[in-house]
Amino acid sequence: QVQFAESGGGVVQPGGSLRLSCVASGFGFSEFSAKWVRQAPGKEPECISVVNPRGDIIKYADSVKGRFTASRDNATDTVYLQMNNLKPEDAAIYYCKVKQYWGQGTQVTVSS
């Protein structure tokens, strides 16, 4: 049974930081690329990061490049998203996605 456990979301002031985690289970996590996708209210989902299976090739959307860092630990089937210098426009629900499987999402709110 495929499961994800996401954590790390919350409320932060502009300029602040958060670290999201997503623990996968029930399938061969280490064989697949892992994505972080976010969706703000009224907007289309945006893929902001893709981490290859080995974790040594990571791509970012222009909107987060230089501020967010994605990584993975295949020993624990976990993918991470370190978010620094958060802006109000980063507020969204953040999902991890591997193949067709989605995490449950974690809310990020950026507000002063």
N, C-alpha and C. Protein backbone atom coordinates (compact mmCIF):
# COMPACT_ATOMS: atom_id res chain seq x y z
N GLN A 1 0.84 -1.18 0.00
CA GLN A 1 0.00 0.00 0.00
C GLN A 1 0.89 1.25 0.00
N VAL A 2 0.69 2.10 -1.00
CA VAL A 2 1.49 3.31 -1.12
C VAL A 2 1.00 4.34 -0.11
N GLN A 3 1.93 4.89 0.64
CA GLN A 3 1.59 5.94 1.60
C GLN A 3 2.66 7.00 1.61
N PHE A 4 2.24 8.21 1.92
CA PHE A 4 3.16 9.32 2.13
C PHE A 4 2.81 9.99 3.46
N ALA A 5 3.82 10.46 4.12
CA ALA A 5 3.60 11.26 5.33
C ALA A 5 4.37 12.56 5.16
N GLU A 6 3.62 13.63 4.93
CA GLU A 6 4.24 14.93 4.76
C GLU A 6 4.18 15.71 6.06
N SER A 7 5.18 16.53 6.28
CA SER A 7 5.20 17.38 7.47
C SER A 7 6.06 18.61 7.21
N GLY A 8 5.96 19.57 8.12
CA GLY A 8 6.84 20.72 8.08
C GLY A 8 6.19 22.03 7.67
N GLY A 9 4.96 21.98 7.22
CA GLY A 9 4.30 23.21 6.84
C GLY A 9 3.96 24.05 8.07
N GLY A 10 3.51 25.28 7.82
CA GLY A 10 3.13 26.13 8.93
C GLY A 10 3.00 27.57 8.48
N VAL A 11 3.00 28.45 9.46
CA VAL A 11 2.89 29.89 9.23
C VAL A 11 4.25 30.53 9.50
N VAL A 12 4.69 31.35 8.58
CA VAL A 12 6.00 31.98 8.72
C VAL A 12 5.91 33.41 8.17
N GLN A 13 6.72 34.27 8.71
CA GLN A 13 6.76 35.65 8.21
C GLN A 13 7.59 35.72 6.93
N PRO A 14 7.34 36.72 6.10
CA PRO A 14 8.19 36.90 4.91
C PRO A 14 9.66 36.95 5.30
N GLY A 15 10.47 36.27 4.51
CA GLY A 15 11.89 36.15 4.83
C GLY A 15 12.23 34.96 5.68
N GLY A 16 11.24 34.29 6.21
CA GLY A 16 11.47 33.14 7.06
C GLY A 16 11.75 31.86 6.29
N SER A 17 11.91 30.77 7.04
CA SER A 17 12.28 29.48 6.45
C SER A 17 11.39 28.38 7.00
N LEU A 18 11.21 27.37 6.19
CA LEU A 18 10.54 26.14 6.59
C LEU A 18 11.24 24.97 5.90
N ARG A 19 11.13 23.80 6.51
CA ARG A 19 11.65 22.59 5.89
C ARG A 19 10.55 21.56 5.82
N LEU A 20 10.21 21.15 4.62
CA LEU A 20 9.18 20.13 4.43
C LEU A 20 9.84 18.76 4.29
N SER A 21 9.14 17.75 4.80
CA SER A 21 9.58 16.37 4.67
C SER A 21 8.45 15.54 4.11
N CYS A 22 8.81 14.52 3.38
CA CYS A 22 7.82 13.59 2.83
C CYS A 22 8.42 12.20 2.88
N VAL A 23 7.84 11.35 3.72
CA VAL A 23 8.30 9.98 3.87
C VAL A 23 7.38 9.06 3.09
N ALA A 24 7.95 8.28 2.20
CA ALA A 24 7.18 7.38 1.35
C ALA A 24 7.29 5.94 1.86
N SER A 25 6.28 5.17 1.57
CA SER A 25 6.33 3.75 1.91
C SER A 25 5.43 2.98 0.97
N GLY A 26 5.71 1.70 0.82
CA GLY A 26 4.83 0.84 0.05
C GLY A 26 5.20 0.67 -1.41
N PHE A 27 6.32 1.24 -1.82
CA PHE A 27 6.79 1.06 -3.20
C PHE A 27 8.27 1.39 -3.24
N GLY A 28 8.89 1.17 -4.37
CA GLY A 28 10.32 1.37 -4.52
C GLY A 28 10.70 2.82 -4.71
N PHE A 29 10.60 3.57 -3.66
CA PHE A 29 10.83 5.02 -3.70
C PHE A 29 12.15 5.37 -4.40
N SER A 30 13.20 4.65 -4.08
CA SER A 30 14.53 5.02 -4.57
C SER A 30 14.69 4.83 -6.07
N GLU A 31 13.74 4.19 -6.72
CA GLU A 31 13.85 3.95 -8.16
C GLU A 31 13.33 5.09 -9.00
N PHE A 32 12.67 6.05 -8.38
CA PHE A 32 11.94 7.05 -9.15
C PHE A 32 12.32 8.47 -8.77
N SER A 33 12.15 9.37 -9.73
CA SER A 33 12.27 10.79 -9.43
C SER A 33 11.15 11.21 -8.49
N ALA A 34 11.46 12.22 -7.67
CA ALA A 34 10.48 12.76 -6.73
C ALA A 34 10.28 14.24 -7.02
N LYS A 35 9.04 14.65 -6.99
CA LYS A 35 8.72 16.03 -7.30
C LYS A 35 8.08 16.72 -6.08
N TRP A 36 8.27 18.01 -6.00
CA TRP A 36 7.49 18.87 -5.12
C TRP A 36 6.59 19.72 -6.02
N VAL A 37 5.33 19.70 -5.71
CA VAL A 37 4.32 20.44 -6.47
C VAL A 37 3.54 21.29 -5.48
N ARG A 38 3.26 22.52 -5.84
CA ARG A 38 2.46 23.36 -4.96
C ARG A 38 1.25 23.90 -5.70
N GLN A 39 0.23 24.18 -4.94
CA GLN A 39 -0.98 24.75 -5.52
C GLN A 39 -1.52 25.83 -4.61
N ALA A 40 -1.57 27.03 -5.13
CA ALA A 40 -2.15 28.15 -4.40
C ALA A 40 -3.64 28.25 -4.75
N PRO A 41 -4.42 28.86 -3.89
CA PRO A 41 -5.86 28.97 -4.16
C PRO A 41 -6.14 29.64 -5.50
N GLY A 42 -6.97 29.02 -6.31
CA GLY A 42 -7.36 29.59 -7.58
C GLY A 42 -6.32 29.47 -8.68
N LYS A 43 -5.23 28.77 -8.39
CA LYS A 43 -4.17 28.65 -9.39
C LYS A 43 -3.94 27.19 -9.76
N GLU A 44 -3.30 27.01 -10.90
CA GLU A 44 -2.94 25.67 -11.34
C GLU A 44 -1.78 25.13 -10.50
N PRO A 45 -1.69 23.81 -10.37
CA PRO A 45 -0.52 23.24 -9.69
C PRO A 45 0.77 23.64 -10.40
N GLU A 46 1.79 23.87 -9.60
CA GLU A 46 3.10 24.25 -10.14
C GLU A 46 4.14 23.27 -9.63
N CYS A 47 4.83 22.61 -10.55
CA CYS A 47 5.94 21.75 -10.15
C CYS A 47 7.15 22.61 -9.89
N ILE A 48 7.63 22.62 -8.67
CA ILE A 48 8.72 23.52 -8.32
C ILE A 48 10.07 22.82 -8.20
N SER A 49 10.08 21.50 -8.11
CA SER A 49 11.35 20.81 -8.00
C SER A 49 11.20 19.36 -8.44
N VAL A 50 12.26 18.85 -9.08
CA VAL A 50 12.34 17.44 -9.43
C VAL A 50 13.70 16.93 -9.00
N VAL A 51 13.70 15.86 -8.23
CA VAL A 51 14.94 15.24 -7.75
C VAL A 51 15.06 13.87 -8.41
N ASN A 52 16.15 13.61 -9.08
CA ASN A 52 16.31 12.32 -9.76
C ASN A 52 16.49 11.21 -8.73
N PRO A 53 16.41 9.95 -9.14
CA PRO A 53 16.46 8.85 -8.16
C PRO A 53 17.69 8.87 -7.26
N ARG A 54 18.83 9.24 -7.80
CA ARG A 54 20.04 9.25 -6.97
C ARG A 54 20.17 10.52 -6.14
N GLY A 55 19.39 11.53 -6.49
CA GLY A 55 19.46 12.78 -5.74
C GLY A 55 20.59 13.69 -6.15
N ASP A 56 21.23 13.39 -7.27
CA ASP A 56 22.37 14.22 -7.68
C ASP A 56 22.04 15.14 -8.85
N ILE A 57 20.82 15.07 -9.34
CA ILE A 57 20.35 16.02 -10.35
C ILE A 57 19.02 16.57 -9.85
N ILE A 58 19.01 17.87 -9.63
CA ILE A 58 17.82 18.51 -9.06
C ILE A 58 17.49 19.73 -9.91
N LYS A 59 16.27 19.83 -10.31
CA LYS A 59 15.82 20.96 -11.10
C LYS A 59 14.79 21.77 -10.31
N TYR A 60 14.76 23.07 -10.60
CA TYR A 60 13.87 23.98 -9.90
C TYR A 60 13.13 24.87 -10.87
N ALA A 61 11.93 25.24 -10.48
CA ALA A 61 11.22 26.28 -11.21
C ALA A 61 11.91 27.62 -10.96
N ASP A 62 11.82 28.51 -11.92
CA ASP A 62 12.44 29.82 -11.77
C ASP A 62 11.90 30.56 -10.55
N SER A 63 10.66 30.29 -10.20
CA SER A 63 10.02 31.01 -9.10
C SER A 63 10.67 30.73 -7.75
N VAL A 64 11.39 29.61 -7.64
CA VAL A 64 11.98 29.24 -6.35
C VAL A 64 13.50 29.08 -6.42
N LYS A 65 14.06 29.17 -7.59
CA LYS A 65 15.49 28.94 -7.77
C LYS A 65 16.29 29.91 -6.91
N GLY A 66 17.28 29.38 -6.22
CA GLY A 66 18.12 30.20 -5.36
C GLY A 66 17.59 30.36 -3.94
N ARG A 67 16.33 29.98 -3.71
CA ARG A 67 15.74 30.10 -2.37
C ARG A 67 15.38 28.74 -1.78
N PHE A 68 14.99 27.81 -2.63
CA PHE A 68 14.56 26.49 -2.18
C PHE A 68 15.63 25.46 -2.55
N THR A 69 15.78 24.47 -1.67
CA THR A 69 16.71 23.37 -1.93
C THR A 69 16.01 22.05 -1.66
N ALA A 70 15.95 21.21 -2.67
CA ALA A 70 15.36 19.89 -2.52
C ALA A 70 16.46 18.85 -2.35
N SER A 71 16.14 17.79 -1.64
CA SER A 71 17.09 16.71 -1.45
C SER A 71 16.31 15.44 -1.11
N ARG A 72 17.01 14.33 -1.09
CA ARG A 72 16.37 13.08 -0.73
C ARG A 72 17.33 12.19 0.01
N ASP A 73 16.77 11.29 0.79
CA ASP A 73 17.54 10.28 1.52
C ASP A 73 16.89 8.95 1.21
N ASN A 74 17.48 8.20 0.32
CA ASN A 74 16.88 6.92 -0.08
C ASN A 74 16.97 5.87 1.02
N ALA A 75 17.84 6.07 1.98
CA ALA A 75 17.92 5.13 3.10
C ALA A 75 16.67 5.18 3.97
N THR A 76 16.01 6.35 3.96
CA THR A 76 14.79 6.51 4.76
C THR A 76 13.57 6.81 3.90
N ASP A 77 13.71 6.69 2.58
CA ASP A 77 12.61 6.94 1.65
C ASP A 77 11.98 8.31 1.88
N THR A 78 12.82 9.31 2.03
CA THR A 78 12.36 10.65 2.37
C THR A 78 12.87 11.66 1.35
N VAL A 79 11.98 12.59 1.00
CA VAL A 79 12.39 13.72 0.19
C VAL A 79 12.11 14.99 1.00
N TYR A 80 13.02 15.95 0.86
CA TYR A 80 12.96 17.17 1.65
C TYR A 80 12.86 18.39 0.74
N LEU A 81 12.32 19.47 1.31
CA LEU A 81 12.33 20.76 0.63
C LEU A 81 12.65 21.83 1.67
N GLN A 82 13.85 22.36 1.58
CA GLN A 82 14.25 23.48 2.44
C GLN A 82 13.87 24.78 1.74
N MET A 83 13.06 25.57 2.40
CA MET A 83 12.55 26.81 1.81
C MET A 83 13.06 27.99 2.61
N ASN A 84 13.84 28.83 1.99
CA ASN A 84 14.40 30.02 2.64
C ASN A 84 13.87 31.27 1.96
N ASN A 85 13.96 32.38 2.67
CA ASN A 85 13.53 33.67 2.15
C ASN A 85 12.12 33.57 1.56
N LEU A 86 11.23 33.04 2.33
CA LEU A 86 9.86 32.83 1.85
C LEU A 86 9.16 34.15 1.58
N LYS A 87 8.34 34.14 0.56
CA LYS A 87 7.61 35.32 0.12
C LYS A 87 6.10 35.03 0.21
N PRO A 88 5.29 36.05 0.30
CA PRO A 88 3.83 35.82 0.35
C PRO A 88 3.33 34.97 -0.81
N GLU A 89 3.94 35.12 -1.97
CA GLU A 89 3.50 34.35 -3.13
C GLU A 89 3.88 32.87 -3.07
N ASP A 90 4.66 32.48 -2.07
CA ASP A 90 4.97 31.07 -1.86
C ASP A 90 3.87 30.34 -1.09
N ALA A 91 2.92 31.08 -0.57
CA ALA A 91 1.84 30.44 0.19
C ALA A 91 1.05 29.50 -0.71
N ALA A 92 0.89 28.26 -0.27
CA ALA A 92 0.23 27.24 -1.07
C ALA A 92 0.17 25.96 -0.26
N ILE A 93 -0.49 24.99 -0.82
CA ILE A 93 -0.38 23.63 -0.30
C ILE A 93 0.73 22.95 -1.10
N TYR A 94 1.64 22.34 -0.38
CA TYR A 94 2.79 21.69 -1.00
C TYR A 94 2.62 20.18 -0.94
N TYR A 95 2.82 19.54 -2.09
CA TYR A 95 2.68 18.10 -2.21
C TYR A 95 3.98 17.48 -2.69
N CYS A 96 4.30 16.30 -2.18
CA CYS A 96 5.31 15.49 -2.83
C CYS A 96 4.60 14.54 -3.79
N LYS A 97 5.28 14.23 -4.86
CA LYS A 97 4.69 13.37 -5.90
C LYS A 97 5.76 12.46 -6.45
N VAL A 98 5.47 11.17 -6.47
CA VAL A 98 6.36 10.18 -7.06
C VAL A 98 5.52 9.30 -7.98
N LYS A 99 5.91 9.21 -9.23
CA LYS A 99 5.09 8.57 -10.26
C LYS A 99 3.70 9.20 -10.21
N GLN A 100 2.69 8.38 -10.10
CA GLN A 100 1.33 8.93 -10.06
C GLN A 100 0.83 9.14 -8.65
N TYR A 101 1.70 8.92 -7.67
CA TYR A 101 1.28 8.98 -6.28
C TYR A 101 1.55 10.36 -5.68
N TRP A 102 0.56 10.87 -4.95
CA TRP A 102 0.65 12.19 -4.33
C TRP A 102 0.61 12.06 -2.81
N GLY A 103 1.40 12.92 -2.15
CA GLY A 103 1.25 13.05 -0.71
C GLY A 103 -0.04 13.77 -0.38
N GLN A 104 -0.32 13.86 0.93
CA GLN A 104 -1.58 14.47 1.36
C GLN A 104 -1.53 15.98 1.35
N GLY A 105 -0.35 16.54 1.23
CA GLY A 105 -0.18 17.98 1.18
C GLY A 105 0.04 18.58 2.55
N THR A 106 0.81 19.67 2.57
CA THR A 106 1.03 20.41 3.80
C THR A 106 0.93 21.89 3.47
N GLN A 107 0.22 22.63 4.33
CA GLN A 107 -0.07 24.03 4.08
C GLN A 107 1.10 24.91 4.50
N VAL A 108 1.46 25.81 3.61
CA VAL A 108 2.47 26.84 3.92
C VAL A 108 1.80 28.20 3.79
N THR A 109 1.87 28.97 4.86
CA THR A 109 1.29 30.32 4.88
C THR A 109 2.42 31.30 5.18
N VAL A 110 2.52 32.33 4.36
CA VAL A 110 3.54 33.35 4.54
C VAL A 110 2.83 34.68 4.75
N SER A 111 2.93 35.17 5.98
CA SER A 111 2.17 36.37 6.31
C SER A 111 2.84 37.11 7.45
N SER A 112 2.78 38.42 7.37
CA SER A 112 3.31 39.22 8.47
C SER A 112 2.20 39.55 9.46
